[in-house]
Each structure stands twice: as structure tokens, then as C-alpha cells.
PDB file of N, CA and C in Angstrom:
ATOM      1  N   MET A   1       0.716  -1.215  -0.037  1.00  0.00           N
ATOM      2  CA  MET A   1       0.102   0.020   0.071  1.00  0.00           C
ATOM      3  C   MET A   1       0.870   1.294   0.066  1.00  0.00           C
ATOM      4  N   LEU A   2       1.925   1.377   0.831  1.00  0.00           N
ATOM      5  CA  LEU A   2       2.712   2.459   1.044  1.00  0.00           C
ATOM      6  C   LEU A   2       3.592   2.541  -0.430  1.00  0.00           C
ATOM      7  N   GLN A   3       3.866   1.499  -1.010  1.00  0.00           N
ATOM      8  CA  GLN A   3       4.576   1.637  -2.370  1.00  0.00           C
ATOM      9  C   GLN A   3       3.698   2.189  -3.384  1.00  0.00           C
ATOM     10  N   ARG A   4       2.319   1.941  -3.345  1.00  0.00           N
ATOM     11  CA  ARG A   4       1.477   2.515  -4.308  1.00  0.00           C
ATOM     12  C   ARG A   4       1.562   4.042  -4.122  1.00  0.00           C
ATOM     13  N   ILE A   5       1.407   4.488  -2.933  1.00  0.00           N
ATOM     14  CA  ILE A   5       1.290   5.867  -2.542  1.00  0.00           C
ATOM     15  C   ILE A   5       2.538   6.580  -2.906  1.00  0.00           C
ATOM     16  N   LEU A   6       3.820   6.079  -2.684  1.00  0.00           N
ATOM     17  CA  LEU A   6       4.876   6.666  -3.235  1.00  0.00           C
ATOM     18  C   LEU A   6       5.127   6.786  -4.679  1.00  0.00           C
ATOM     19  N   LEU A   7       4.675   5.607  -5.313  1.00  0.00           N
ATOM     20  CA  LEU A   7       4.581   5.509  -6.917  1.00  0.00           C
ATOM     21  C   LEU A   7       3.703   6.718  -7.420  1.00  0.00           C
ATOM     22  N   ILE A   8       2.593   6.822  -6.898  1.00  0.00           N
ATOM     23  CA  ILE A   8       1.751   8.006  -7.331  1.00  0.00           C
ATOM     24  C   ILE A   8       2.186   9.232  -7.079  1.00  0.00           C
ATOM     25  N   ILE A   9       2.960   9.376  -5.992  1.00  0.00           N
ATOM     26  CA  ILE A   9       3.522  10.690  -5.734  1.00  0.00           C
ATOM     27  C   ILE A   9       4.648  10.997  -6.544  1.00  0.00           C
ATOM     28  N   LEU A  10       5.498  10.016  -6.972  1.00  0.00           N
ATOM     29  CA  LEU A  10       6.511  10.146  -7.941  1.00  0.00           C
ATOM     30  C   LEU A  10       6.109  10.443  -9.246  1.00  0.00           C
ATOM     31  N   VAL A  11       5.063   9.829  -9.814  1.00  0.00           N
ATOM     32  CA  VAL A  11       4.414  10.016 -11.094  1.00  0.00           C
ATOM     33  C   VAL A  11       3.942  11.367 -11.177  1.00  0.00           C
ATOM     34  N   LEU A  12       3.184  11.858 -10.161  1.00  0.00           N
ATOM     35  CA  LEU A  12       2.585  13.139 -10.081  1.00  0.00           C
ATOM     36  C   LEU A  12       3.862  14.415 -10.064  1.00  0.00           C
ATOM     37  N   TYR A  13       4.756  13.900  -9.529  1.00  0.00           N
ATOM     38  CA  TYR A  13       5.910  14.971  -9.493  1.00  0.00           C
ATOM     39  C   TYR A  13       6.705  15.087 -10.712  1.00  0.00           C
ATOM     40  N   ALA A  14       6.915  13.938 -11.418  1.00  0.00           N
ATOM     41  CA  ALA A  14       7.301  14.002 -12.779  1.00  0.00           C
ATOM     42  C   ALA A  14       6.496  14.650 -13.818  1.00  0.00           C
ATOM     43  N   LEU A  15       5.260  14.385 -13.751  1.00  0.00           N
ATOM     44  CA  LEU A  15       4.435  15.095 -14.593  1.00  0.00           C
ATOM     45  C   LEU A  15       4.343  16.540 -14.462  1.00  0.00           C
ATOM     46  N   TRP A  16       4.298  16.838 -13.109  1.00  0.00           N
ATOM     47  CA  TRP A  16       4.497  18.452 -12.755  1.00  0.00           C
ATOM     48  C   TRP A  16       5.732  18.957 -13.417  1.00  0.00           C
ATOM     49  N   ARG A  17       6.972  18.282 -13.260  1.00  0.00           N
ATOM     50  CA  ARG A  17       8.123  19.005 -13.703  1.00  0.00           C
ATOM     51  C   ARG A  17       8.004  18.982 -15.255  1.00  0.00           C
ATOM     52  N   ILE A  18       7.485  17.942 -15.862  1.00  0.00           N
ATOM     53  CA  ILE A  18       7.337  18.054 -17.371  1.00  0.00           C
ATOM     54  C   ILE A  18       6.461  19.310 -17.806  1.00  0.00           C
ATOM     55  N   ALA A  19       5.315  19.435 -17.065  1.00  0.00           N
ATOM     56  CA  ALA A  19       4.354  20.462 -17.633  1.00  0.00           C
ATOM     57  C   ALA A  19       4.940  21.760 -17.349  1.00  0.00           C
ATOM     58  N   THR A  20       5.693  22.122 -16.158  1.00  0.00           N
ATOM     59  CA  THR A  20       6.293  23.295 -15.928  1.00  0.00           C
ATOM     60  C   THR A  20       7.408  23.761 -17.058  1.00  0.00           C
ATOM     61  N   ALA A  21       8.256  22.620 -17.368  1.00  0.00           N
ATOM     62  CA  ALA A  21       9.277  22.712 -18.339  1.00  0.00           C
ATOM     63  C   ALA A  21       8.753  23.208 -19.779  1.00  0.00           C
ATOM     64  N   TRP A  22       7.566  22.510 -19.993  1.00  0.00           N
ATOM     65  CA  TRP A  22       6.691  22.567 -21.311  1.00  0.00           C
ATOM     66  C   TRP A  22       6.205  24.133 -21.486  1.00  0.00           C
ATOM     67  N   GLY A  23       5.686  24.618 -20.195  1.00  0.00           N
ATOM     68  CA  GLY A  23       5.087  25.924 -20.160  1.00  0.00           C
ATOM     69  C   GLY A  23       6.135  26.943 -20.354  1.00  0.00           C
ATOM     70  N   ARG A  24       7.331  26.631 -19.638  1.00  0.00           N
ATOM     71  CA  ARG A  24       8.410  27.745 -19.724  1.00  0.00           C
ATOM     72  C   ARG A  24       9.028  27.868 -21.308  1.00  0.00           C
ATOM     73  N   ARG A  25       9.031  26.633 -21.834  1.00  0.00           N
ATOM     74  CA  ARG A  25       9.507  26.648 -23.360  1.00  0.00           C
ATOM     75  C   ARG A  25       8.340  27.427 -24.198  1.00  0.00           C
ATOM     76  N   LEU A  26       7.228  27.087 -23.847  1.00  0.00           N
ATOM     77  CA  LEU A  26       6.037  27.789 -24.818  1.00  0.00           C
ATOM     78  C   LEU A  26       6.318  29.415 -24.511  1.00  0.00           C
ATOM     79  N   GLY A  27       6.529  29.597 -23.571  1.00  0.00           N
ATOM     80  CA  GLY A  27       6.525  31.297 -23.096  1.00  0.00           C
ATOM     81  C   GLY A  27       7.395  31.909 -23.799  1.00  0.00           C
ATOM     82  N   ARG A  28       8.667  31.082 -24.096  1.00  0.00           N
ATOM     83  CA  ARG A  28       9.739  31.870 -24.600  1.00  0.00           C
ATOM     84  C   ARG A  28       9.567  31.989 -26.354  1.00  0.00           C
ATOM     85  N   GLU A  29       8.924  30.783 -26.855  1.00  0.00           N
ATOM     86  CA  GLU A  29       8.781  30.571 -28.047  1.00  0.00           C
ATOM     87  C   GLU A  29       7.805  31.773 -28.617  1.00  0.00           C
ATOM     88  N   SER A  30       6.416  31.741 -28.108  1.00  0.00           N
ATOM     89  CA  SER A  30       5.493  32.806 -28.531  1.00  0.00           C
ATOM     90  C   SER A  30       5.263  33.753 -27.514  1.00  0.00           C
ATOM     91  N   PRO A  31       5.082  34.987 -27.968  1.00  0.00           N
ATOM     92  CA  PRO A  31       4.825  36.132 -27.127  1.00  0.00           C
ATOM     93  C   PRO A  31       3.588  36.213 -26.244  1.00  0.00           C
ATOM     94  N   GLY A  32       2.449  35.626 -26.927  1.00  0.00           N
ATOM     95  CA  GLY A  32       1.335  35.471 -26.064  1.00  0.00           C
ATOM     96  C   GLY A  32       0.522  36.865 -26.133  1.00  0.00           C
ATOM     97  N   ALA A  33      -0.457  36.886 -25.648  1.00  0.00           N
ATOM     98  CA  ALA A  33      -1.407  38.246 -25.451  1.00  0.00           C
ATOM     99  C   ALA A  33      -0.697  39.228 -24.556  1.00  0.00           C
ATOM    100  N   ASP A  34      -0.089  38.752 -23.606  1.00  0.00           N
ATOM    101  CA  ASP A  34       0.433  39.721 -22.513  1.00  0.00           C
ATOM    102  C   ASP A  34       1.544  40.608 -23.072  1.00  0.00           C
ATOM    103  N   SER A  35       2.119  40.194 -23.975  1.00  0.00           N
ATOM    104  CA  SER A  35       3.300  41.033 -24.765  1.00  0.00           C
ATOM    105  C   SER A  35       2.830  42.370 -25.433  1.00  0.00           C
ATOM    106  N   TYR A  36       1.604  42.150 -25.619  1.00  0.00           N
ATOM    107  CA  TYR A  36       0.818  43.492 -26.226  1.00  0.00           C
ATOM    108  C   TYR A  36       0.129  44.304 -25.262  1.00  0.00           C
ATOM    109  N   SER A  37       0.243  44.009 -24.045  1.00  0.00           N
ATOM    110  CA  SER A  37      -0.303  44.797 -22.919  1.00  0.00           C
ATOM    111  C   SER A  37       0.599  45.808 -22.431  1.00  0.00           C
ATOM    112  N   ARG A  38      -0.078  46.918 -21.999  1.00  0.00           N
ATOM    113  CA  ARG A  38       0.815  47.912 -21.412  1.00  0.00           C
ATOM    114  C   ARG A  38       1.362  47.709 -20.241  1.00  0.00           C
ATOM    115  N   PHE A  39       1.257  46.588 -19.444  1.00  0.00           N
ATOM    116  CA  PHE A  39       1.737  46.273 -18.342  1.00  0.00           C
ATOM    117  C   PHE A  39       2.878  45.264 -18.442  1.00  0.00           C
ATOM    118  N   HIS A  40       3.232  44.732 -19.572  1.00  0.00           N
ATOM    119  CA  HIS A  40       4.207  43.800 -19.987  1.00  0.00           C
ATOM    120  C   HIS A  40       5.585  44.462 -19.594  1.00  0.00           C
ATOM    121  N   PRO A  41       6.390  43.754 -18.824  1.00  0.00           N
ATOM    122  CA  PRO A  41       7.740  44.360 -18.444  1.00  0.00           C
ATOM    123  C   PRO A  41       8.444  44.986 -19.439  1.00  0.00           C
ATOM    124  N   ASP A  42       8.471  44.386 -20.568  1.00  0.00           N
ATOM    125  CA  ASP A  42       9.361  45.056 -21.602  1.00  0.00           C
ATOM    126  C   ASP A  42       8.890  46.356 -22.060  1.00  0.00           C
ATOM    127  N   LYS A  43       7.529  46.484 -22.059  1.00  0.00           N
ATOM    128  CA  LYS A  43       6.732  47.752 -22.441  1.00  0.00           C
ATOM    129  C   LYS A  43       7.205  48.847 -21.407  1.00  0.00           C
ATOM    130  N   ARG A  44       7.114  48.445 -20.106  1.00  0.00           N
ATOM    131  CA  ARG A  44       7.312  49.157 -18.986  1.00  0.00           C
ATOM    132  C   ARG A  44       8.701  49.711 -18.989  1.00  0.00           C
ATOM    133  N   ARG A  45       9.625  48.902 -19.302  1.00  0.00           N
ATOM    134  CA  ARG A  45      11.130  49.263 -19.256  1.00  0.00           C
ATOM    135  C   ARG A  45      11.248  50.351 -20.408  1.00  0.00           C
ATOM    136  N   GLN A  46      10.718  50.056 -21.470  1.00  0.00           N
ATOM    137  CA  GLN A  46      10.748  50.829 -22.693  1.00  0.00           C
ATOM    138  C   GLN A  46      10.173  52.283 -22.371  1.00  0.00           C
ATOM    139  N   ARG A  47       9.013  52.312 -21.647  1.00  0.00           N
ATOM    140  CA  ARG A  47       8.380  53.491 -21.198  1.00  0.00           C
ATOM    141  C   ARG A  47       9.155  54.341 -20.464  1.00  0.00           C
ATOM    142  N   THR A  48       9.813  53.644 -19.275  1.00  0.00           N
ATOM    143  CA  THR A  48      10.726  54.459 -18.300  1.00  0.00           C
ATOM    144  C   THR A  48      11.895  54.973 -19.032  1.00  0.00           C
ATOM    145  N   ARG A  49      12.423  54.115 -19.907  1.00  0.00           N
ATOM    146  CA  ARG A  49      13.715  54.716 -20.720  1.00  0.00           C
ATOM    147  C   ARG A  49      13.274  55.903 -21.523  1.00  0.00           C
ATOM    148  N   ASP A  50      12.247  55.852 -22.287  1.00  0.00           N
ATOM    149  CA  ASP A  50      11.723  57.116 -23.014  1.00  0.00           C
ATOM    150  C   ASP A  50      11.501  58.276 -22.004  1.00  0.00           C
ATOM    151  N   GLN A  51      10.942  57.996 -20.996  1.00  0.00           N
ATOM    152  CA  GLN A  51      10.659  59.186 -20.061  1.00  0.00           C
ATOM    153  C   GLN A  51      12.081  59.829 -19.297  1.00  0.00           C
ATOM    154  N   ARG A  52      12.995  59.116 -19.279  1.00  0.00           N
ATOM    155  CA  ARG A  52      14.188  59.539 -18.752  1.00  0.00           C
ATOM    156  C   ARG A  52      15.031  60.119 -19.816  1.00  0.00           C
ATOM    157  N   ALA A  53      14.914  59.838 -21.152  1.00  0.00           N
ATOM    158  CA  ALA A  53      15.634  60.182 -22.207  1.00  0.00           C
ATOM    159  C   ALA A  53      15.700  61.962 -22.347  1.00  0.00           C
ATOM    160  N   ASP A  54      14.593  62.449 -22.297  1.00  0.00           N
ATOM    161  CA  ASP A  54      14.446  64.034 -22.445  1.00  0.00           C
ATOM    162  C   ASP A  54      13.286  64.386 -22.052  1.00  0.00           C
ATOM    163  N   PRO A  55      13.341  64.939 -20.619  1.00  0.00           N
ATOM    164  CA  PRO A  55      11.971  65.570 -19.993  1.00  0.00           C
ATOM    165  C   PRO A  55      11.683  66.796 -20.746  1.00  0.00           C
ATOM    166  N   GLU A  56      10.513  67.141 -20.691  1.00  0.00           N
ATOM    167  CA  GLU A  56       9.857  68.229 -21.344  1.00  0.00           C
ATOM    168  C   GLU A  56       9.966  69.423 -20.353  1.00  0.00           C
ATOM    169  N   GLN A  57      10.364  70.499 -20.858  1.00  0.00           N
ATOM    170  CA  GLN A  57      10.597  71.876 -19.859  1.00  0.00           C
ATOM    171  C   GLN A  57       9.176  72.408 -19.811  1.00  0.00           C
ATOM    172  N   LEU A  58       8.817  72.701 -18.428  1.00  0.00           N
ATOM    173  CA  LEU A  58       7.629  73.493 -17.988  1.00  0.00           C
ATOM    174  C   LEU A  58       7.827  74.851 -17.833  1.00  0.00           C
ATOM    175  N   VAL A  59       6.778  75.654 -18.384  1.00  0.00           N
ATOM    176  CA  VAL A  59       6.857  77.112 -17.950  1.00  0.00           C
ATOM    177  C   VAL A  59       5.593  77.551 -17.231  1.00  0.00           C
ATOM    178  N   ALA A  60       5.723  78.661 -16.631  1.00  0.00           N
ATOM    179  CA  ALA A  60       4.597  79.071 -15.887  1.00  0.00           C
ATOM    180  C   ALA A  60       3.704  80.028 -16.686  1.00  0.00           C
ATOM    181  N   CYS A  61       2.552  80.065 -16.570  1.00  0.00           N
ATOM    182  CA  CYS A  61       1.689  80.834 -17.081  1.00  0.00           C
ATOM    183  C   CYS A  61       1.630  82.253 -16.475  1.00  0.00           C
ATOM    184  N   SER A  62       1.768  83.307 -17.279  1.00  0.00           N
ATOM    185  CA  SER A  62       1.957  84.769 -16.801  1.00  0.00           C
ATOM    186  C   SER A  62       0.813  85.172 -15.975  1.00  0.00           C
ATOM    187  N   HIS A  63      -0.444  84.631 -16.150  1.00  0.00           N
ATOM    188  CA  HIS A  63      -1.661  85.161 -15.557  1.00  0.00           C
ATOM    189  C   HIS A  63      -1.923  84.357 -14.351  1.00  0.00           C
ATOM    190  N   CYS A  64      -2.203  82.879 -14.566  1.00  0.00           N
ATOM    191  CA  CYS A  64      -2.448  82.276 -13.249  1.00  0.00           C
ATOM    192  C   CYS A  64      -1.302  81.528 -12.526  1.00  0.00           C
ATOM    193  N   GLY A  65      -0.220  81.265 -13.173  1.00  0.00           N
ATOM    194  CA  GLY A  65       0.934  80.712 -12.592  1.00  0.00           C
ATOM    195  C   GLY A  65       1.057  79.002 -12.846  1.00  0.00           C
ATOM    196  N   THR A  66       0.056  78.589 -13.473  1.00  0.00           N
ATOM    197  CA  THR A  66       0.091  77.233 -13.680  1.00  0.00           C
ATOM    198  C   THR A  66       1.225  76.747 -14.613  1.00  0.00           C
ATOM    199  N   TYR A  67       1.748  75.687 -14.432  1.00  0.00           N
ATOM    200  CA  TYR A  67       2.753  75.250 -15.137  1.00  0.00           C
ATOM    201  C   TYR A  67       2.341  74.288 -16.136  1.00  0.00           C
ATOM    202  N   VAL A  68       2.683  74.477 -17.563  1.00  0.00           N
ATOM    203  CA  VAL A  68       2.288  73.898 -18.528  1.00  0.00           C
ATOM    204  C   VAL A  68       3.412  73.579 -19.443  1.00  0.00           C
ATOM    205  N   PRO A  69       3.448  72.289 -20.383  1.00  0.00           N
ATOM    206  CA  PRO A  69       4.712  71.956 -21.072  1.00  0.00           C
ATOM    207  C   PRO A  69       4.997  73.177 -22.109  1.00  0.00           C
ATOM    208  N   ALA A  70       6.209  73.399 -22.451  1.00  0.00           N
ATOM    209  CA  ALA A  70       6.586  74.489 -23.266  1.00  0.00           C
ATOM    210  C   ALA A  70       6.078  74.279 -24.788  1.00  0.00           C
ATOM    211  N   THR A  71       5.748  72.951 -25.190  1.00  0.00           N
ATOM    212  CA  THR A  71       5.287  72.901 -26.412  1.00  0.00           C
ATOM    213  C   THR A  71       3.748  73.243 -26.598  1.00  0.00           C
ATOM    214  N   ARG A  72       2.977  73.113 -25.421  1.00  0.00           N
ATOM    215  CA  ARG A  72       1.685  73.463 -25.411  1.00  0.00           C
ATOM    216  C   ARG A  72       1.317  74.749 -25.071  1.00  0.00           C
ATOM    217  N   ALA A  73       2.328  75.636 -24.568  1.00  0.00           N
ATOM    218  CA  ALA A  73       2.093  76.918 -24.083  1.00  0.00           C
ATOM    219  C   ALA A  73       1.934  78.005 -25.074  1.00  0.00           C
ATOM    220  N   LEU A  74       1.034  78.950 -24.921  1.00  0.00           N
ATOM    221  CA  LEU A  74       0.602  80.095 -25.849  1.00  0.00           C
ATOM    222  C   LEU A  74       1.690  81.209 -25.547  1.00  0.00           C
ATOM    223  N   THR A  75       2.149  81.876 -26.463  1.00  0.00           N
ATOM    224  CA  THR A  75       3.112  82.887 -26.111  1.00  0.00           C
ATOM    225  C   THR A  75       2.360  84.237 -26.844  1.00  0.00           C
ATOM    226  N   ALA A  76       2.620  85.326 -26.124  1.00  0.00           N
ATOM    227  CA  ALA A  76       2.152  86.503 -26.497  1.00  0.00           C
ATOM    228  C   ALA A  76       2.902  87.694 -26.005  1.00  0.00           C
ATOM    229  N   GLY A  77       3.196  88.738 -26.721  1.00  0.00           N
ATOM    230  CA  GLY A  77       4.072  89.762 -26.375  1.00  0.00           C
ATOM    231  C   GLY A  77       5.400  89.551 -25.710  1.00  0.00           C
ATOM    232  N   GLY A  78       6.358  88.879 -26.430  1.00  0.00           N
ATOM    233  CA  GLY A  78       7.548  88.615 -25.866  1.00  0.00           C
ATOM    234  C   GLY A  78       7.658  87.551 -24.832  1.00  0.00           C
ATOM    235  N   ASP A  79       7.850  87.907 -23.499  1.00  0.00           N
ATOM    236  CA  ASP A  79       8.058  86.829 -22.327  1.00  0.00           C
ATOM    237  C   ASP A  79       6.833  86.505 -21.634  1.00  0.00           C
ATOM    238  N   HIS A  80       5.679  86.891 -22.360  1.00  0.00           N
ATOM    239  CA  HIS A  80       4.277  86.447 -21.697  1.00  0.00           C
ATOM    240  C   HIS A  80       4.170  85.112 -22.314  1.00  0.00           C
ATOM    241  N   VAL A  81       3.814  84.141 -21.327  1.00  0.00           N
ATOM    242  CA  VAL A  81       3.444  82.622 -21.646  1.00  0.00           C
ATOM    243  C   VAL A  81       2.151  82.403 -20.968  1.00  0.00           C
ATOM    244  N   PHE A  82       1.137  81.683 -21.717  1.00  0.00           N
ATOM    245  CA  PHE A  82       0.081  81.494 -21.086  1.00  0.00           C
ATOM    246  C   PHE A  82      -0.346  80.002 -21.356  1.00  0.00           C
ATOM    247  N   CYS A  83      -1.204  79.277 -20.343  1.00  0.00           N
ATOM    248  CA  CYS A  83      -1.691  78.131 -20.439  1.00  0.00           C
ATOM    249  C   CYS A  83      -2.829  77.716 -21.305  1.00  0.00           C
ATOM    250  N   SER A  84      -3.633  78.865 -21.386  1.00  0.00           N
ATOM    251  CA  SER A  84      -4.956  78.743 -22.170  1.00  0.00           C
ATOM    252  C   SER A  84      -5.117  80.089 -22.920  1.00  0.00           C
ATOM    253  N   PRO A  85      -6.130  80.097 -24.010  1.00  0.00           N
ATOM    254  CA  PRO A  85      -6.507  81.195 -24.654  1.00  0.00           C
ATOM    255  C   PRO A  85      -7.401  82.132 -23.501  1.00  0.00           C
ATOM    256  N   GLU A  86      -8.032  81.522 -22.578  1.00  0.00           N
ATOM    257  CA  GLU A  86      -8.783  82.252 -21.408  1.00  0.00           C
ATOM    258  C   GLU A  86      -7.689  83.056 -20.671  1.00  0.00           C
ATOM    259  N   CYS A  87      -6.728  82.623 -20.309  1.00  0.00           N
ATOM    260  CA  CYS A  87      -5.720  83.193 -19.394  1.00  0.00           C
ATOM    261  C   CYS A  87      -4.966  84.506 -20.321  1.00  0.00           C
ATOM    262  N   ARG A  88      -4.834  84.167 -21.498  1.00  0.00           N
ATOM    263  CA  ARG A  88      -4.237  85.184 -22.469  1.00  0.00           C
ATOM    264  C   ARG A  88      -5.270  86.427 -22.655  1.00  0.00           C
ATOM    265  N   ASP A  89      -6.475  86.019 -22.738  1.00  0.00           N
ATOM    266  CA  ASP A  89      -7.496  87.162 -22.899  1.00  0.00           C
ATOM    267  C   ASP A  89      -7.640  87.930 -21.611  1.00  0.00           C
ATOM    268  N   LEU A  90      -7.613  87.282 -20.488  1.00  0.00           N
ATOM    269  CA  LEU A  90      -7.709  88.000 -19.076  1.00  0.00           C
ATOM    270  C   LEU A  90      -6.881  88.745 -18.777  1.00  0.00           C
ATOM    271  N   ASP A  91      -5.459  88.464 -19.249  1.00  0.00           N
ATOM    272  CA  ASP A  91      -4.285  89.258 -18.963  1.00  0.00           C
ATOM    273  C   ASP A  91      -4.223  90.464 -19.644  1.00  0.00           C
ATOM    274  N   GLY A  92      -4.798  90.573 -20.829  1.00  0.00           N
ATOM    275  CA  GLY A  92      -4.986  91.708 -21.745  1.00  0.00           C
ATOM    276  C   GLY A  92      -3.868  91.996 -22.586  1.00  0.00           C
ATOM    277  N   VAL A  93      -2.978  91.060 -22.722  1.00  0.00           N
ATOM    278  CA  VAL A  93      -1.722  91.406 -23.690  1.00  0.00           C
ATOM    279  C   VAL A  93      -2.206  91.123 -25.004  1.00  0.00           C
ATOM    280  N   ALA A  94      -1.667  91.981 -25.988  1.00  0.00           N
ATOM    281  CA  ALA A  94      -1.910  91.926 -27.411  1.00  0.00           C
ATOM    282  C   ALA A  94      -1.283  90.701 -27.905  1.00  0.00           C
ATOM    283  N   VAL A  95      -2.078  89.957 -28.559  1.00  0.00           N
ATOM    284  CA  VAL A  95      -1.561  88.575 -29.336  1.00  0.00           C
ATOM    285  C   VAL A  95      -0.620  88.804 -30.281  1.00  0.00           C
ATOM    286  N   ALA A  96       0.727  88.270 -30.174  1.00  0.00           N
ATOM    287  CA  ALA A  96       1.989  88.524 -30.967  1.00  0.00           C
ATOM    288  C   ALA A  96       1.993  87.208 -31.877  1.00  0.00           C
ATOM    289  N   THR A  97       2.089  86.152 -31.011  1.00  0.00           N
ATOM    290  CA  THR A  97       1.981  84.708 -31.814  1.00  0.00           C
ATOM    291  C   THR A  97       1.134  83.659 -30.990  1.00  0.00           C
ATOM    292  N   ASP A  98       0.945  82.770 -31.640  1.00  0.00           N
ATOM    293  CA  ASP A  98       0.038  81.766 -31.084  1.00  0.00           C
ATOM    294  C   ASP A  98       0.494  80.480 -31.570  1.00  0.00           C
ATOM    295  N   ASP A  99       1.139  79.574 -30.543  1.00  0.00           N
ATOM    296  CA  ASP A  99       1.757  78.347 -30.974  1.00  0.00           C
ATOM    297  C   ASP A  99       0.814  77.457 -31.591  1.00  0.00           C
ATOM    298  N   ARG A 100      -0.359  77.276 -31.006  1.00  0.00           N
ATOM    299  CA  ARG A 100      -1.351  76.353 -31.360  1.00  0.00           C
ATOM    300  C   ARG A 100      -2.139  76.801 -32.483  1.00  0.00           C
ATOM    301  N   GLY A 101      -2.117  77.990 -33.115  1.00  0.00           N
ATOM    302  CA  GLY A 101      -2.840  78.384 -34.029  1.00  0.00           C
ATOM    303  C   GLY A 101      -4.230  78.862 -33.844  1.00  0.00           C
ATOM    304  N   GLU A 102      -4.445  79.361 -32.566  1.00  0.00           N
ATOM    305  CA  GLU A 102      -5.777  79.652 -32.071  1.00  0.00           C
ATOM    306  C   GLU A 102      -5.927  81.212 -32.022  1.00  0.00           C
TER     307      GLU A 102
END
């Protein structure tokens, strides 16, 4: 009786080892659906690498003081930078250039 229990345990252990080895090999060969996920470790590493590469400069709005990315800021009258057309209009500065075409 004890020999049968040990034999069953040994067979189950061998099957478990074979199944895990087979699963690891399949994981290396095919990317699967998780590789297209934004939570995949490779995507996360690439995202953090891209973020560290070149941070965007922030500028303060001349009217309200809100910081906005320099590429999205509206400029008017030389050194005046605005976060939105509303702040630009409330400040009363004549519009010289507008980066977003508004």
C-alpha cells in the first residue's frame, strides 16, 4: 500500500516537472497576449527609458501661474506665456504669436 502511494506521488511529481518545463518553453517561443499589454515588463522598461531620455520643459503661465509644457504653451508679447486662450485674454496682452494656431 505504501509503495503505491509513493509511486503515485513520484508519477505526479514527474508530470508536474514536465508540465512546467513545457510551459516555460512555450513562453519563450510565443509572445502571447500579455506581450501586447501596456503592463508587460518590456513595455514598462521601454516607457521608463523614453521618459528619462528627454524631459519636457515646463513654463509658468503669466496670468495664473499654472505650469504647462513648453510645447503646449501660448505665447504673446515677448516674455508672456499662457496656459490657455482664456488666461491670455484675461491678462489683456496683445496677441503677437500663438503656437497652437488659435
